[in-house]
PDB file of N, CA and C in Angstrom:
ATOM      1  N   MET A   1     175.261 304.720  94.534  1.00  0.00           N
ATOM      2  CA  MET A   1     175.120 304.593  96.026  1.00  0.00           C
ATOM      3  C   MET A   1     174.326 303.325  96.430  1.00  0.00           C
ATOM      4  N   VAL A   2     174.696 302.680  97.391  1.00  0.00           N
ATOM      5  CA  VAL A   2     174.317 301.280  97.881  1.00  0.00           C
ATOM      6  C   VAL A   2     173.147 301.438  98.807  1.00  0.00           C
ATOM      7  N   GLU A   3     172.045 300.940  98.586  1.00  0.00           N
ATOM      8  CA  GLU A   3     170.913 301.009  99.664  1.00  0.00           C
ATOM      9  C   GLU A   3     170.771 299.694 100.274  1.00  0.00           C
ATOM     10  N   VAL A   4     170.904 299.979 101.697  1.00  0.00           N
ATOM     11  CA  VAL A   4     170.829 298.791 102.789  1.00  0.00           C
ATOM     12  C   VAL A   4     169.408 298.693 103.264  1.00  0.00           C
ATOM     13  N   ARG A   5     168.907 297.672 103.112  1.00  0.00           N
ATOM     14  CA  ARG A   5     167.404 297.521 103.689  1.00  0.00           C
ATOM     15  C   ARG A   5     167.464 296.495 104.883  1.00  0.00           C
ATOM     16  N   ASN A   6     166.983 297.111 106.028  1.00  0.00           N
ATOM     17  CA  ASN A   6     167.126 296.203 107.321  1.00  0.00           C
ATOM     18  C   ASN A   6     166.116 295.068 107.285  1.00  0.00           C
ATOM     19  N   ASP A   7     165.023 295.195 106.568  1.00  0.00           N
ATOM     20  CA  ASP A   7     164.021 294.087 106.561  1.00  0.00           C
ATOM     21  C   ASP A   7     164.544 292.764 105.941  1.00  0.00           C
ATOM     22  N   VAL A   8     165.562 292.993 105.100  1.00  0.00           N
ATOM     23  CA  VAL A   8     165.908 291.620 104.522  1.00  0.00           C
ATOM     24  C   VAL A   8     166.843 290.770 105.409  1.00  0.00           C
ATOM     25  N   TYR A   9     167.629 291.463 106.357  1.00  0.00           N
ATOM     26  CA  TYR A   9     168.405 290.798 107.233  1.00  0.00           C
ATOM     27  C   TYR A   9     167.867 290.778 108.626  1.00  0.00           C
ATOM     28  N   GLY A  10     166.796 291.285 108.899  1.00  0.00           N
ATOM     29  CA  GLY A  10     166.180 291.683 110.238  1.00  0.00           C
ATOM     30  C   GLY A  10     166.005 290.302 110.973  1.00  0.00           C
ATOM     31  N   GLU A  11     165.727 290.589 112.399  1.00  0.00           N
ATOM     32  CA  GLU A  11     165.595 289.308 113.125  1.00  0.00           C
ATOM     33  C   GLU A  11     164.068 288.948 112.971  1.00  0.00           C
ATOM     34  N   ARG A  12     163.813 287.582 112.776  1.00  0.00           N
ATOM     35  CA  ARG A  12     162.407 287.213 112.886  1.00  0.00           C
ATOM     36  C   ARG A  12     162.095 286.870 114.201  1.00  0.00           C
ATOM     37  N   LYS A  13     160.967 287.402 114.730  1.00  0.00           N
ATOM     38  CA  LYS A  13     160.631 287.327 116.148  1.00  0.00           C
ATOM     39  C   LYS A  13     159.333 286.318 116.169  1.00  0.00           C
ATOM     40  N   SER A  14     159.328 285.548 117.145  1.00  0.00           N
ATOM     41  CA  SER A  14     158.114 284.660 117.281  1.00  0.00           C
ATOM     42  C   SER A  14     156.919 285.393 118.024  1.00  0.00           C
ATOM     43  N   GLY A  15     155.785 285.128 117.411  1.00  0.00           N
ATOM     44  CA  GLY A  15     154.592 285.763 117.841  1.00  0.00           C
ATOM     45  C   GLY A  15     153.782 284.825 118.600  1.00  0.00           C
ATOM     46  N   ALA A  16     154.437 283.747 119.294  1.00  0.00           N
ATOM     47  CA  ALA A  16     153.509 282.892 119.977  1.00  0.00           C
ATOM     48  C   ALA A  16     152.884 283.477 121.244  1.00  0.00           C
ATOM     49  N   GLY A  17     153.658 284.287 122.026  1.00  0.00           N
ATOM     50  CA  GLY A  17     153.188 284.911 123.134  1.00  0.00           C
ATOM     51  C   GLY A  17     151.895 285.865 122.802  1.00  0.00           C
ATOM     52  N   LYS A  18     152.147 286.607 121.767  1.00  0.00           N
ATOM     53  CA  LYS A  18     151.130 287.431 121.369  1.00  0.00           C
ATOM     54  C   LYS A  18     149.798 286.774 120.915  1.00  0.00           C
ATOM     55  N   THR A  19     150.006 285.600 120.270  1.00  0.00           N
ATOM     56  CA  THR A  19     149.025 284.855 119.738  1.00  0.00           C
ATOM     57  C   THR A  19     148.206 284.140 121.045  1.00  0.00           C
ATOM     58  N   LEU A  20     148.970 283.700 121.945  1.00  0.00           N
ATOM     59  CA  LEU A  20     148.272 283.090 123.211  1.00  0.00           C
ATOM     60  C   LEU A  20     147.591 284.105 123.840  1.00  0.00           C
ATOM     61  N   LEU A  21     147.996 285.425 124.084  1.00  0.00           N
ATOM     62  CA  LEU A  21     147.391 286.489 124.692  1.00  0.00           C
ATOM     63  C   LEU A  21     145.952 286.757 124.106  1.00  0.00           C
ATOM     64  N   ILE A  22     145.999 286.831 122.541  1.00  0.00           N
ATOM     65  CA  ILE A  22     144.717 287.241 121.861  1.00  0.00           C
ATOM     66  C   ILE A  22     143.763 286.081 122.083  1.00  0.00           C
ATOM     67  N   VAL A  23     144.162 284.887 122.080  1.00  0.00           N
ATOM     68  CA  VAL A  23     143.243 283.694 122.209  1.00  0.00           C
ATOM     69  C   VAL A  23     142.588 283.719 123.625  1.00  0.00           C
ATOM     70  N   ALA A  24     143.493 284.065 124.558  1.00  0.00           N
ATOM     71  CA  ALA A  24     143.008 284.088 125.888  1.00  0.00           C
ATOM     72  C   ALA A  24     142.059 285.201 126.132  1.00  0.00           C
ATOM     73  N   VAL A  25     142.089 286.353 125.428  1.00  0.00           N
ATOM     74  CA  VAL A  25     141.262 287.536 125.588  1.00  0.00           C
ATOM     75  C   VAL A  25     139.946 287.212 124.889  1.00  0.00           C
ATOM     76  N   VAL A  26     140.064 286.552 123.667  1.00  0.00           N
ATOM     77  CA  VAL A  26     138.795 286.242 123.001  1.00  0.00           C
ATOM     78  C   VAL A  26     137.958 285.047 123.714  1.00  0.00           C
ATOM     79  N   ILE A  27     138.644 284.163 124.425  1.00  0.00           N
ATOM     80  CA  ILE A  27     137.906 283.169 125.224  1.00  0.00           C
ATOM     81  C   ILE A  27     137.244 283.944 126.389  1.00  0.00           C
ATOM     82  N   ALA A  28     137.861 284.773 127.091  1.00  0.00           N
ATOM     83  CA  ALA A  28     137.340 285.446 128.243  1.00  0.00           C
ATOM     84  C   ALA A  28     136.103 286.294 127.791  1.00  0.00           C
ATOM     85  N   ALA A  29     136.281 287.028 126.573  1.00  0.00           N
ATOM     86  CA  ALA A  29     135.154 287.831 126.045  1.00  0.00           C
ATOM     87  C   ALA A  29     133.824 286.954 125.773  1.00  0.00           C
ATOM     88  N   VAL A  30     134.161 285.819 125.062  1.00  0.00           N
ATOM     89  CA  VAL A  30     132.970 284.968 124.662  1.00  0.00           C
ATOM     90  C   VAL A  30     132.405 284.365 126.056  1.00  0.00           C
ATOM     91  N   VAL A  31     133.015 283.884 127.062  1.00  0.00           N
ATOM     92  CA  VAL A  31     132.484 283.497 128.252  1.00  0.00           C
ATOM     93  C   VAL A  31     131.762 284.666 128.950  1.00  0.00           C
ATOM     94  N   GLY A  32     132.442 285.839 129.039  1.00  0.00           N
ATOM     95  CA  GLY A  32     131.522 286.910 129.623  1.00  0.00           C
ATOM     96  C   GLY A  32     130.313 287.263 128.945  1.00  0.00           C
ATOM     97  N   LEU A  33     130.295 287.105 127.558  1.00  0.00           N
ATOM     98  CA  LEU A  33     129.106 287.408 126.780  1.00  0.00           C
ATOM     99  C   LEU A  33     127.971 286.358 127.070  1.00  0.00           C
ATOM    100  N   LEU A  34     128.438 284.997 127.123  1.00  0.00           N
ATOM    101  CA  LEU A  34     127.578 284.008 127.513  1.00  0.00           C
ATOM    102  C   LEU A  34     126.962 284.165 128.907  1.00  0.00           C
ATOM    103  N   PHE A  35     127.619 284.696 129.807  1.00  0.00           N
ATOM    104  CA  PHE A  35     127.018 284.892 131.033  1.00  0.00           C
ATOM    105  C   PHE A  35     126.204 286.187 131.078  1.00  0.00           C
ATOM    106  N   ALA A  36     126.572 287.147 130.380  1.00  0.00           N
ATOM    107  CA  ALA A  36     125.742 288.509 130.395  1.00  0.00           C
ATOM    108  C   ALA A  36     124.421 288.324 129.759  1.00  0.00           C
ATOM    109  N   THR A  37     124.378 287.264 128.636  1.00  0.00           N
ATOM    110  CA  THR A  37     123.153 287.286 127.933  1.00  0.00           C
ATOM    111  C   THR A  37     122.205 286.205 128.540  1.00  0.00           C
ATOM    112  N   GLY A  38     122.726 285.463 129.583  1.00  0.00           N
ATOM    113  CA  GLY A  38     121.886 284.508 130.185  1.00  0.00           C
ATOM    114  C   GLY A  38     121.874 283.164 129.573  1.00  0.00           C
ATOM    115  N   PHE A  39     122.718 282.998 128.651  1.00  0.00           N
ATOM    116  CA  PHE A  39     122.899 281.672 127.962  1.00  0.00           C
ATOM    117  C   PHE A  39     123.469 280.714 129.022  1.00  0.00           C
ATOM    118  N   TRP A  40     124.510 281.204 129.770  1.00  0.00           N
ATOM    119  CA  TRP A  40     124.983 280.434 130.847  1.00  0.00           C
ATOM    120  C   TRP A  40     124.691 281.063 132.189  1.00  0.00           C
ATOM    121  N   SER A  41     124.418 280.348 133.113  1.00  0.00           N
ATOM    122  CA  SER A  41     124.135 280.842 134.485  1.00  0.00           C
ATOM    123  C   SER A  41     124.737 280.037 135.615  1.00  0.00           C
ATOM    124  N   ALA A  42     124.971 280.613 136.706  1.00  0.00           N
ATOM    125  CA  ALA A  42     125.705 279.936 137.711  1.00  0.00           C
ATOM    126  C   ALA A  42     124.844 280.018 138.943  1.00  0.00           C
ATOM    127  N   ASP A  43     124.456 278.955 139.381  1.00  0.00           N
ATOM    128  CA  ASP A  43     123.569 278.860 140.765  1.00  0.00           C
ATOM    129  C   ASP A  43     124.450 278.652 142.000  1.00  0.00           C
ATOM    130  N   VAL A  44     124.621 279.727 142.679  1.00  0.00           N
ATOM    131  CA  VAL A  44     125.728 279.609 143.855  1.00  0.00           C
ATOM    132  C   VAL A  44     124.753 279.760 145.184  1.00  0.00           C
ATOM    133  N   LYS A  45     125.087 278.632 145.955  1.00  0.00           N
ATOM    134  CA  LYS A  45     124.250 278.560 147.150  1.00  0.00           C
ATOM    135  C   LYS A  45     125.171 279.065 148.346  1.00  0.00           C
ATOM    136  N   GLU A  46     124.555 279.518 149.372  1.00  0.00           N
ATOM    137  CA  GLU A  46     125.340 280.172 150.393  1.00  0.00           C
ATOM    138  C   GLU A  46     125.894 279.084 151.338  1.00  0.00           C
ATOM    139  N   GLY A  47     127.121 279.141 151.849  1.00  0.00           N
ATOM    140  CA  GLY A  47     127.804 278.231 152.549  1.00  0.00           C
ATOM    141  C   GLY A  47     128.391 278.676 153.837  1.00  0.00           C
ATOM    142  N   ALA A  48     128.852 277.978 154.672  1.00  0.00           N
ATOM    143  CA  ALA A  48     129.355 278.307 155.948  1.00  0.00           C
ATOM    144  C   ALA A  48     130.487 277.589 156.468  1.00  0.00           C
ATOM    145  N   LEU A  49     131.515 278.391 156.844  1.00  0.00           N
ATOM    146  CA  LEU A  49     132.770 277.730 157.327  1.00  0.00           C
ATOM    147  C   LEU A  49     132.610 276.836 158.600  1.00  0.00           C
ATOM    148  N   PRO A  50     133.255 275.833 158.672  1.00  0.00           N
ATOM    149  CA  PRO A  50     132.839 274.941 159.965  1.00  0.00           C
ATOM    150  C   PRO A  50     133.713 275.622 161.219  1.00  0.00           C
ATOM    151  N   GLU A  51     133.210 275.393 162.353  1.00  0.00           N
ATOM    152  CA  GLU A  51     133.828 275.978 163.519  1.00  0.00           C
ATOM    153  C   GLU A  51     134.967 275.148 163.819  1.00  0.00           C
ATOM    154  N   VAL A  52     136.045 275.836 164.077  1.00  0.00           N
ATOM    155  CA  VAL A  52     137.475 275.337 164.214  1.00  0.00           C
ATOM    156  C   VAL A  52     137.976 275.728 165.658  1.00  0.00           C
ATOM    157  N   SER A  53     138.464 274.866 166.493  1.00  0.00           N
ATOM    158  CA  SER A  53     139.134 275.339 167.693  1.00  0.00           C
ATOM    159  C   SER A  53     140.463 274.566 167.723  1.00  0.00           C
ATOM    160  N   VAL A  54     141.344 275.285 168.159  1.00  0.00           N
ATOM    161  CA  VAL A  54     142.768 274.931 168.271  1.00  0.00           C
ATOM    162  C   VAL A  54     143.297 275.103 169.709  1.00  0.00           C
ATOM    163  N   LYS A  55     144.004 274.083 170.167  1.00  0.00           N
ATOM    164  CA  LYS A  55     144.470 274.181 171.574  1.00  0.00           C
ATOM    165  C   LYS A  55     146.051 274.053 171.275  1.00  0.00           C
ATOM    166  N   GLY A  56     146.737 275.144 171.637  1.00  0.00           N
ATOM    167  CA  GLY A  56     148.075 275.006 171.464  1.00  0.00           C
ATOM    168  C   GLY A  56     148.997 274.677 172.473  1.00  0.00           C
ATOM    169  N   GLY A  57     150.278 274.435 172.323  1.00  0.00           N
ATOM    170  CA  GLY A  57     151.406 274.280 173.268  1.00  0.00           C
ATOM    171  C   GLY A  57     151.459 272.777 173.924  1.00  0.00           C
ATOM    172  N   ASP A  58     150.793 271.794 173.518  1.00  0.00           N
ATOM    173  CA  ASP A  58     150.806 270.460 173.889  1.00  0.00           C
ATOM    174  C   ASP A  58     151.357 269.639 172.628  1.00  0.00           C
ATOM    175  N   MET A  59     152.362 268.674 173.092  1.00  0.00           N
ATOM    176  CA  MET A  59     152.965 267.792 172.115  1.00  0.00           C
ATOM    177  C   MET A  59     152.017 266.602 172.138  1.00  0.00           C
ATOM    178  N   PRO A  60     151.960 266.027 171.120  1.00  0.00           N
ATOM    179  CA  PRO A  60     151.119 264.809 170.872  1.00  0.00           C
ATOM    180  C   PRO A  60     151.649 263.628 171.660  1.00  0.00           C
ATOM    181  N   ASP A  61     150.745 262.976 172.393  1.00  0.00           N
ATOM    182  CA  ASP A  61     151.310 261.462 172.968  1.00  0.00           C
ATOM    183  C   ASP A  61     151.551 260.520 171.911  1.00  0.00           C
ATOM    184  N   VAL A  62     152.660 259.964 172.084  1.00  0.00           N
ATOM    185  CA  VAL A  62     153.065 258.925 171.072  1.00  0.00           C
ATOM    186  C   VAL A  62     153.776 257.859 171.873  1.00  0.00           C
ATOM    187  N   ASP A  63     153.168 256.598 171.564  1.00  0.00           N
ATOM    188  CA  ASP A  63     153.633 255.363 172.143  1.00  0.00           C
ATOM    189  C   ASP A  63     154.430 254.641 171.250  1.00  0.00           C
ATOM    190  N   VAL A  64     155.662 254.723 171.173  1.00  0.00           N
ATOM    191  CA  VAL A  64     156.598 253.935 170.121  1.00  0.00           C
ATOM    192  C   VAL A  64     157.314 252.640 170.889  1.00  0.00           C
ATOM    193  N   LYS A  65     157.074 251.611 170.225  1.00  0.00           N
ATOM    194  CA  LYS A  65     157.569 250.277 170.534  1.00  0.00           C
ATOM    195  C   LYS A  65     158.514 249.931 169.573  1.00  0.00           C
ATOM    196  N   SER A  66     159.874 249.947 169.843  1.00  0.00           N
ATOM    197  CA  SER A  66     160.874 249.774 168.857  1.00  0.00           C
ATOM    198  C   SER A  66     161.719 248.670 169.368  1.00  0.00           C
ATOM    199  N   LYS A  67     162.607 248.226 168.520  1.00  0.00           N
ATOM    200  CA  LYS A  67     163.544 247.216 168.824  1.00  0.00           C
ATOM    201  C   LYS A  67     164.795 247.819 169.105  1.00  0.00           C
ATOM    202  N   GLU A  68     165.587 247.049 170.112  1.00  0.00           N
ATOM    203  CA  GLU A  68     166.867 247.511 170.529  1.00  0.00           C
ATOM    204  C   GLU A  68     167.938 247.273 169.559  1.00  0.00           C
ATOM    205  N   VAL A  69     168.809 248.259 169.279  1.00  0.00           N
ATOM    206  CA  VAL A  69     169.938 248.049 168.395  1.00  0.00           C
ATOM    207  C   VAL A  69     171.107 247.652 169.281  1.00  0.00           C
ATOM    208  N   VAL A  70     171.793 246.444 169.005  1.00  0.00           N
ATOM    209  CA  VAL A  70     173.020 246.081 169.849  1.00  0.00           C
ATOM    210  C   VAL A  70     174.138 246.084 168.945  1.00  0.00           C
ATOM    211  N   VAL A  71     175.219 246.753 169.352  1.00  0.00           N
ATOM    212  CA  VAL A  71     176.449 246.828 168.484  1.00  0.00           C
ATOM    213  C   VAL A  71     177.583 246.290 169.247  1.00  0.00           C
ATOM    214  N   GLY A  72     178.463 245.423 168.678  1.00  0.00           N
ATOM    215  CA  GLY A  72     179.532 244.782 169.459  1.00  0.00           C
ATOM    216  C   GLY A  72     180.360 244.077 168.347  1.00  0.00           C
ATOM    217  N   THR A  73     181.180 243.070 169.026  1.00  0.00           N
ATOM    218  CA  THR A  73     182.008 242.391 168.191  1.00  0.00           C
ATOM    219  C   THR A  73     182.021 240.972 168.726  1.00  0.00           C
ATOM    220  N   LYS A  74     182.308 239.912 167.770  1.00  0.00           N
ATOM    221  CA  LYS A  74     182.401 238.541 168.392  1.00  0.00           C
ATOM    222  C   LYS A  74     183.600 237.904 167.544  1.00  0.00           C
ATOM    223  N   GLU A  75     184.124 236.847 168.079  1.00  0.00           N
ATOM    224  CA  GLU A  75     185.390 236.295 167.278  1.00  0.00           C
ATOM    225  C   GLU A  75     184.849 235.219 166.359  1.00  0.00           C
ATOM    226  N   THR A  76     185.397 235.304 165.298  1.00  0.00           N
ATOM    227  CA  THR A  76     184.965 234.238 164.194  1.00  0.00           C
ATOM    228  C   THR A  76     186.260 233.991 163.388  1.00  0.00           C
ATOM    229  N   THR A  77     186.205 232.771 162.762  1.00  0.00           N
ATOM    230  CA  THR A  77     187.162 232.162 161.933  1.00  0.00           C
ATOM    231  C   THR A  77     186.841 232.370 160.532  1.00  0.00           C
ATOM    232  N   VAL A  78     187.595 233.103 159.759  1.00  0.00           N
ATOM    233  CA  VAL A  78     187.342 233.269 158.180  1.00  0.00           C
ATOM    234  C   VAL A  78     188.591 232.746 157.425  1.00  0.00           C
ATOM    235  N   ASP A  79     188.511 232.551 156.095  1.00  0.00           N
ATOM    236  CA  ASP A  79     189.521 232.189 155.343  1.00  0.00           C
ATOM    237  C   ASP A  79     190.119 233.430 154.718  1.00  0.00           C
ATOM    238  N   VAL A  80     191.391 233.728 154.899  1.00  0.00           N
ATOM    239  CA  VAL A  80     192.010 235.066 154.401  1.00  0.00           C
ATOM    240  C   VAL A  80     193.150 234.491 153.345  1.00  0.00           C
ATOM    241  N   PRO A  81     193.057 235.085 152.264  1.00  0.00           N
ATOM    242  CA  PRO A  81     194.063 234.807 151.233  1.00  0.00           C
ATOM    243  C   PRO A  81     195.530 235.229 151.702  1.00  0.00           C
ATOM    244  N   LYS A  82     196.573 234.418 151.423  1.00  0.00           N
ATOM    245  CA  LYS A  82     197.954 234.850 151.663  1.00  0.00           C
ATOM    246  C   LYS A  82     198.674 235.133 150.510  1.00  0.00           C
ATOM    247  N   VAL A  83     199.163 236.322 150.432  1.00  0.00           N
ATOM    248  CA  VAL A  83     200.019 236.821 149.369  1.00  0.00           C
ATOM    249  C   VAL A  83     201.580 236.772 149.583  1.00  0.00           C
ATOM    250  N   GLU A  84     202.330 236.139 148.881  1.00  0.00           N
ATOM    251  CA  GLU A  84     203.767 236.066 149.026  1.00  0.00           C
ATOM    252  C   GLU A  84     204.316 236.598 147.893  1.00  0.00           C
ATOM    253  N   THR A  85     205.507 237.307 148.154  1.00  0.00           N
ATOM    254  CA  THR A  85     206.407 237.910 147.087  1.00  0.00           C
ATOM    255  C   THR A  85     207.781 237.186 147.357  1.00  0.00           C
ATOM    256  N   GLU A  86     208.530 237.118 146.095  1.00  0.00           N
ATOM    257  CA  GLU A  86     209.899 236.671 146.134  1.00  0.00           C
ATOM    258  C   GLU A  86     210.711 237.519 145.154  1.00  0.00           C
ATOM    259  N   GLU A  87     212.053 237.538 145.503  1.00  0.00           N
ATOM    260  CA  GLU A  87     212.834 238.398 144.758  1.00  0.00           C
ATOM    261  C   GLU A  87     213.463 237.514 143.633  1.00  0.00           C
ATOM    262  N   LYS A  88     213.512 237.848 142.289  1.00  0.00           N
ATOM    263  CA  LYS A  88     214.183 237.219 141.142  1.00  0.00           C
ATOM    264  C   LYS A  88     214.886 238.031 140.469  1.00  0.00           C
ATOM    265  N   LYS A  89     216.071 237.737 139.790  1.00  0.00           N
ATOM    266  CA  LYS A  89     216.801 238.566 138.824  1.00  0.00           C
ATOM    267  C   LYS A  89     216.460 238.260 137.500  1.00  0.00           C
ATOM    268  N   ILE A  90     215.916 239.410 136.821  1.00  0.00           N
ATOM    269  CA  ILE A  90     215.451 239.187 135.366  1.00  0.00           C
ATOM    270  C   ILE A  90     216.099 240.254 134.511  1.00  0.00           C
ATOM    271  N   ASP A  91     215.936 240.161 133.359  1.00  0.00           N
ATOM    272  CA  ASP A  91     216.597 241.154 132.346  1.00  0.00           C
ATOM    273  C   ASP A  91     215.381 242.278 132.057  1.00  0.00           C
ATOM    274  N   VAL A  92     215.711 243.429 132.181  1.00  0.00           N
ATOM    275  CA  VAL A  92     214.614 244.479 132.063  1.00  0.00           C
ATOM    276  C   VAL A  92     214.997 245.305 130.961  1.00  0.00           C
ATOM    277  N   PRO A  93     214.238 245.586 129.875  1.00  0.00           N
ATOM    278  CA  PRO A  93     214.657 246.546 128.849  1.00  0.00           C
ATOM    279  C   PRO A  93     215.074 247.901 129.221  1.00  0.00           C
ATOM    280  N   VAL A  94     216.104 248.559 128.704  1.00  0.00           N
ATOM    281  CA  VAL A  94     216.473 249.726 129.053  1.00  0.00           C
ATOM    282  C   VAL A  94     216.507 250.684 127.691  1.00  0.00           C
ATOM    283  N   VAL A  95     216.061 251.806 128.000  1.00  0.00           N
ATOM    284  CA  VAL A  95     215.987 252.779 126.802  1.00  0.00           C
ATOM    285  C   VAL A  95     216.894 253.952 127.231  1.00  0.00           C
ATOM    286  N   GLY A  96     217.878 254.347 126.198  1.00  0.00           N
ATOM    287  CA  GLY A  96     218.846 255.514 126.527  1.00  0.00           C
ATOM    288  C   GLY A  96     219.200 256.149 125.237  1.00  0.00           C
ATOM    289  N   VAL A  97     220.003 257.138 125.298  1.00  0.00           N
ATOM    290  CA  VAL A  97     220.482 257.928 124.245  1.00  0.00           C
ATOM    291  C   VAL A  97     222.099 257.860 124.271  1.00  0.00           C
ATOM    292  N   LYS A  98     222.820 257.424 123.283  1.00  0.00           N
ATOM    293  CA  LYS A  98     224.162 257.285 123.192  1.00  0.00           C
ATOM    294  C   LYS A  98     224.707 258.577 122.344  1.00  0.00           C
ATOM    295  N   ASP A  99     225.587 259.328 123.030  1.00  0.00           N
ATOM    296  CA  ASP A  99     226.175 260.515 122.368  1.00  0.00           C
ATOM    297  C   ASP A  99     227.395 260.078 121.714  1.00  0.00           C
ATOM    298  N   ASP A 100     227.577 260.476 120.377  1.00  0.00           N
ATOM    299  CA  ASP A 100     228.616 260.135 119.595  1.00  0.00           C
ATOM    300  C   ASP A 100     230.019 260.921 119.950  1.00  0.00           C
TER     301      ASP A 100
END
């Protein structure tokens, strides 16, 4: 009888995600321990938000000084190449099949 073992041909899975999770948990535990023992401390001072008032419904005043775009045509003389064709009789190769 033949014995088939799945672990020989099994898929190899990467443990990078698991490793990163373990490292993050260990770092969080060390930081928490340092704060809990008083080795690290945070001095937090009270603060206040600034007073903000908003007036809505008005568009901002904008003074735009722009150039005027002028579109049109003007007559100008330019050199234009002239192409000419002529007819000539020449021998052209022909390919065909001759039936016996």
